């Protein structure tokens, strides 16, 4: 695996993190120190209620410091196994995310699935809703302009046109392209609001809200994806066969590959 120095970016409202987050960070650093010593990590927490501002700040910090090869967003209410980051880095793609379960669990759907499969954990995985939703996988249309074409996966990767930022690996070169090719989204002088986060030079606004041609305003995660895919003609891929934890009022476990395989087997 190629050498890398990765900034792990975790925005929090009050500095709270879940146990699954802590386990993921510990296991990740131990595994990589043993197996990939040339891949190192630096963890930075920023407290905020403004995700747009703080995600822009993280991107600006990476852009300003050439030691960083990647930015890894990892939200404090999520968890994963180290094999996820292995796959993300091995993919060598500019932007790699995950298919993650939603925090809320539809108990009625879990009950229905539990009548179809014996393992309650598998029933939960099948019943979960996932992010991004299925329309994100439609990346083209047939000649009739109506029929969607869904691109086949390659290995653990699936191409999409948008994704969430809960767990998202972005190469440094992506931010360089934003700075150079969308100059209106780069401020040479950092505004006062982000200086407390350590941003003292240029400020990249790649996570600012954006409007689609239909007039829909996109939040910070989909706005980033929209700029990258439609303005810069970039690619986004998702790892879809890893277990992802999402913690709300209970622990939700998801694995998109298991979900779609089992639902197909059940004729759903």
Foldseek 3Di string as FASTA:
>chain_A
DDAFEEEEEEEAAPPDADPQAVVQVVQQQVVCVVVPVSYYYDYDYDHDPAPLQRVLLQLLVCLVDVRHFKYKYAYRQKHFHNVQVVVVVVVVFQKEAAKAFDQDFDVVQLVVQCVVDVDSLLSRQLRTQIWPHPVQQQDDAPPVRPHTDGDDADDQKGWGLFTFRNTMMGGNVLSVCQCVVVVVQKDQADDPVSVVVVNGGMTGSLQPWDADPVGDIDHRRRSNSCCCCPVVVGIYMYRQATWMWGHDVHIRIYGRVSNVVVCVVVVD
